[in-house]
Protein backbone atom coordinates (compact mmCIF):
# COMPACT_ATOMS: atom_id res chain seq x y z
CA UNK A 1 22.31 -19.09 -22.16
CA UNK A 2 22.14 -15.64 -24.22
CA UNK A 3 25.33 -13.58 -23.28
CA UNK A 4 26.11 -9.94 -22.90
CA UNK A 5 25.82 -7.91 -25.99
CA UNK A 6 22.66 -10.39 -26.75
CA UNK A 7 20.35 -9.49 -23.70
CA UNK A 8 21.81 -5.42 -24.20
CA UNK A 9 20.22 -6.15 -27.59
CA UNK A 10 16.95 -7.35 -26.56
CA UNK A 11 16.24 -5.02 -23.89
CA UNK A 12 16.42 -2.23 -25.97
CA UNK A 13 13.54 -3.94 -28.48
CA UNK A 14 9.92 -2.09 -28.27
CA UNK A 15 9.77 -3.38 -24.29
CA UNK A 16 8.22 -1.63 -21.09
CA UNK A 17 11.05 0.20 -19.23
CA UNK A 18 10.55 -2.09 -16.51
CA UNK A 19 10.92 -5.28 -19.22
CA UNK A 20 14.16 -3.06 -20.24
CA UNK A 21 15.75 -2.87 -16.86
CA UNK A 22 14.87 -6.68 -15.94
CA UNK A 23 16.34 -7.95 -18.78
CA UNK A 24 19.51 -5.36 -18.57
CA UNK A 25 19.90 -6.63 -15.47
CA UNK A 26 21.04 -9.97 -15.96
CA UNK A 27 23.97 -8.67 -18.00
CA UNK A 28 27.02 -10.00 -16.22
CA UNK A 29 29.26 -6.63 -14.95
CA UNK A 30 29.75 -4.03 -12.45
CA UNK A 31 30.68 -0.20 -12.32
CA UNK A 32 32.38 1.67 -9.39
CA UNK A 33 29.89 3.42 -7.40
CA UNK A 34 31.44 6.90 -8.49
CA UNK A 35 29.98 7.01 -11.42
CA UNK A 36 26.27 6.61 -9.84
CA UNK A 37 27.29 8.35 -7.26
CA UNK A 38 28.35 11.60 -9.81
CA UNK A 39 25.10 10.67 -11.81
CA UNK A 40 22.95 11.63 -8.73
CA UNK A 41 24.84 14.64 -8.06
CA UNK A 42 24.34 16.05 -11.55
CA UNK A 43 20.55 15.51 -11.91
CA UNK A 44 20.86 17.51 -8.01
CA UNK A 45 22.59 20.22 -9.57
CA UNK A 46 20.70 20.31 -12.82
CA UNK A 47 16.92 20.07 -11.69
CA UNK A 48 17.06 20.25 -7.67
CA UNK A 49 17.26 19.08 -4.67
CA UNK A 50 14.05 17.25 -5.00
CA UNK A 51 15.11 15.34 -8.47
CA UNK A 52 16.88 13.20 -5.93
CA UNK A 53 13.67 12.26 -3.33
CA UNK A 54 12.11 11.53 -7.30
CA UNK A 55 14.73 9.35 -8.72
CA UNK A 56 14.68 7.40 -5.53
CA UNK A 57 11.31 6.56 -5.32
CA UNK A 58 11.13 5.96 -9.12
CA UNK A 59 14.15 2.92 -9.14
CA UNK A 60 11.84 1.58 -5.82
CA UNK A 61 8.85 1.11 -8.08
CA UNK A 62 10.50 -0.01 -10.39
CA UNK A 63 12.28 -2.66 -8.17
CA UNK A 64 15.87 -1.72 -8.28
CA UNK A 65 16.04 1.05 -5.28
CA UNK A 66 19.20 2.92 -4.75
CA UNK A 67 19.79 5.45 -2.73
CA UNK A 68 22.63 8.53 -2.97
CA UNK A 69 23.15 8.11 0.69
CA UNK A 70 23.66 4.54 0.56
CA UNK A 71 26.07 4.69 -2.44
CA UNK A 72 29.99 3.39 -1.35
CA UNK A 73 32.20 5.13 -4.36
CA UNK A 74 34.71 2.48 -3.66
CA UNK A 75 32.37 -0.08 -4.05
CA UNK A 76 31.20 -2.41 -7.24
CA UNK A 77 27.89 -2.21 -8.25
CA UNK A 78 25.67 -3.85 -11.32
CA UNK A 79 27.04 -1.96 -14.47
CA UNK A 80 22.74 -2.00 -15.70
CA UNK A 81 22.38 0.35 -13.18
CA UNK A 82 24.20 3.02 -15.74
CA UNK A 83 21.39 2.21 -18.37
CA UNK A 84 19.33 2.36 -15.51
CA UNK A 85 19.98 6.15 -14.57
CA UNK A 86 19.89 7.47 -18.25
CA UNK A 87 17.27 5.57 -19.44
CA UNK A 88 15.10 6.67 -15.29
CA UNK A 89 16.46 10.89 -16.07
CA UNK A 90 15.01 10.51 -20.14
CA UNK A 91 11.50 9.33 -18.76
CA UNK A 92 11.46 11.60 -15.28
CA UNK A 93 13.24 14.52 -16.03
CA UNK A 94 12.54 14.66 -20.18
CA UNK A 95 15.99 14.85 -21.06
CA UNK A 96 17.36 14.62 -24.69
CA UNK A 97 20.63 13.84 -26.01
CA UNK A 98 22.80 16.29 -25.08
CA UNK A 99 22.09 15.98 -21.37
CA UNK A 100 22.82 12.62 -21.62
CA UNK A 101 26.53 13.35 -23.40
CA UNK A 102 26.54 16.08 -20.37
CA UNK A 103 26.45 13.64 -17.49
CA UNK A 104 29.52 11.43 -19.04
CA UNK A 105 31.22 14.83 -18.96
CA UNK A 106 30.31 15.05 -16.01
CA UNK A 107 30.95 11.78 -14.49
CA UNK A 108 34.12 11.83 -15.27
CA UNK A 109 35.52 15.53 -14.46
CA UNK A 110 34.19 14.54 -10.55
CA UNK A 111 35.82 11.39 -10.75
CA UNK A 112 38.22 11.29 -7.44
CA UNK A 113 39.11 7.85 -8.83
CA UNK A 114 39.67 9.18 -12.09
CA UNK A 115 41.92 12.40 -11.18
CA UNK A 116 44.45 10.82 -9.61
CA UNK A 117 45.12 8.60 -12.34
CA UNK A 118 45.18 11.90 -14.82
CA UNK A 119 48.15 13.06 -12.75
CA UNK A 120 49.99 10.80 -15.04
CA UNK A 121 48.46 11.63 -18.04
CA UNK A 122 50.50 14.32 -19.37
CA UNK A 123 50.03 14.01 -23.32
CA UNK A 124 47.11 12.78 -26.10
CA UNK A 125 49.66 9.80 -26.73
CA UNK A 126 49.95 8.42 -22.78
CA UNK A 127 46.11 9.01 -22.86
CA UNK A 128 46.07 7.02 -25.64
CA UNK A 129 47.60 3.79 -25.07
CA UNK A 130 46.47 4.01 -20.90
CA UNK A 131 42.64 4.17 -21.82
CA UNK A 132 42.20 0.35 -21.95
CA UNK A 133 43.83 0.64 -17.88
CA UNK A 134 41.80 3.11 -16.97
CA UNK A 135 38.40 1.57 -18.02
CA UNK A 136 38.84 -1.27 -16.07
CA UNK A 137 39.36 1.33 -13.18
CA UNK A 138 36.09 1.70 -13.04
CA UNK A 139 34.32 -1.13 -15.32
CA UNK A 140 35.08 -5.05 -14.25
CA UNK A 141 34.59 -6.72 -17.71
CA UNK A 142 34.32 -5.48 -21.63
CA UNK A 143 37.31 -4.17 -23.12
CA UNK A 144 38.67 -0.48 -24.21
CA UNK A 145 41.19 -0.88 -27.85
CA UNK A 146 43.32 1.77 -28.02
CA UNK A 147 42.89 1.69 -32.02
CA UNK A 148 44.03 4.27 -34.26
CA UNK A 149 46.05 8.04 -32.85
CA UNK A 150 46.84 10.83 -35.69
CA UNK A 151 48.56 13.04 -33.98
CA UNK A 152 48.76 15.20 -36.99
CA UNK A 153 44.98 15.28 -38.04
CA UNK A 154 44.09 15.31 -34.11
CA UNK A 155 42.02 12.57 -33.73
CA UNK A 156 42.00 9.18 -32.72
CA UNK A 157 40.14 5.83 -31.97
CA UNK A 158 38.41 3.32 -28.96
CA UNK A 159 36.96 0.32 -29.90
CA UNK A 160 34.56 -0.86 -26.92
CA UNK A 161 34.63 -4.79 -27.59
CA UNK A 162 32.57 -7.19 -25.61
CA UNK A 163 30.56 -4.41 -23.76
CA UNK A 164 27.11 -2.34 -24.43
CA UNK A 165 23.96 -1.30 -22.16
CA UNK A 166 21.77 0.58 -24.15
CA UNK A 167 21.83 3.44 -26.80
CA UNK A 168 21.34 5.98 -24.26
CA UNK A 169 25.09 5.27 -22.34
CA UNK A 170 26.56 5.08 -25.42
CA UNK A 171 26.16 8.96 -25.26
CA UNK A 172 26.86 8.79 -21.79
CA UNK A 173 30.78 7.12 -22.77
CA UNK A 174 30.41 9.96 -25.33
CA UNK A 175 30.20 12.56 -23.24
CA UNK A 176 32.74 10.37 -20.77
CA UNK A 177 35.49 10.61 -23.55
CA UNK A 178 35.16 14.18 -24.28
CA UNK A 179 36.14 14.61 -20.66
CA UNK A 180 38.27 13.04 -20.72
CA UNK A 181 40.51 14.41 -23.80
CA UNK A 182 39.13 18.01 -22.20
CA UNK A 183 41.10 17.22 -18.50
CA UNK A 184 44.39 16.39 -20.07
CA UNK A 185 43.64 20.28 -22.01
CA UNK A 186 42.63 19.08 -25.22
CA UNK A 187 39.93 22.33 -26.73
CA UNK A 188 36.86 22.19 -28.28
CA UNK A 189 36.67 17.64 -28.26
CA UNK A 190 34.25 16.01 -30.63
CA UNK A 191 33.14 12.47 -30.33
CA UNK A 192 31.45 10.30 -32.78
CA UNK A 193 30.08 7.41 -32.12
CA UNK A 194 31.07 5.64 -35.47
CA UNK A 195 29.96 2.22 -34.76
CA UNK A 196 27.42 0.88 -32.66
CA UNK A 197 25.45 -2.51 -31.68
CA UNK A 198 22.45 -1.31 -31.26
CA UNK A 199 23.02 0.07 -35.29
CA UNK A 200 24.57 -3.93 -36.41
CA UNK A 201 27.61 -3.57 -35.80
CA UNK A 202 29.61 -5.84 -33.35
CA UNK A 203 31.17 -3.69 -30.86
CA UNK A 204 31.19 0.43 -29.93
CA UNK A 205 33.70 2.90 -31.38
CA UNK A 206 33.74 6.29 -31.05
CA UNK A 207 36.04 8.84 -33.26
CA UNK A 208 37.89 11.62 -30.52
CA UNK A 209 38.70 14.54 -32.57
CA UNK A 210 40.18 17.98 -30.87
CA UNK A 211 41.66 21.94 -32.66
């Protein structure tokens, strides 16, 4: 049986969008509905009311319908929907890398679940060590390793293991991490993916730095 990472890599090979999605939907793992709903909200703010209908129609055409009004923010949905959304955003609205990063920033900033959690994240060090637990508030598989922190040089490193969907989702997570450290008051936060399963790595690694 192919594992999740094998499926993600296979889906990333040269295939049609429908073929990619059919493979991605075999990945076992779930995410909270709030993240998906926030993706729709960002789409509406950026592209206008009609964009939501375009998105819903395209998801239905692809065989994976998910209407905005039907999403329960506390329910679990297949994590592959995150990749589906990013791929369709790119296809339908010609979004580039910066647009996808911004979706990730927005998803965190407007998350009621995460805002509640962040009441207790009063420092960089606490946020760093709390990240693995926070991950599982929204994603029920894979793991986040709080790998390195260097407050003197203003950077830290996270590793995401046994998880992966699509290179666009890598950008989404980059934005999500920037948003996380923006929320605890860090300025000019930057994130760089320094290791990636889609570039030969066995896990994803992100270096977060700030001023």
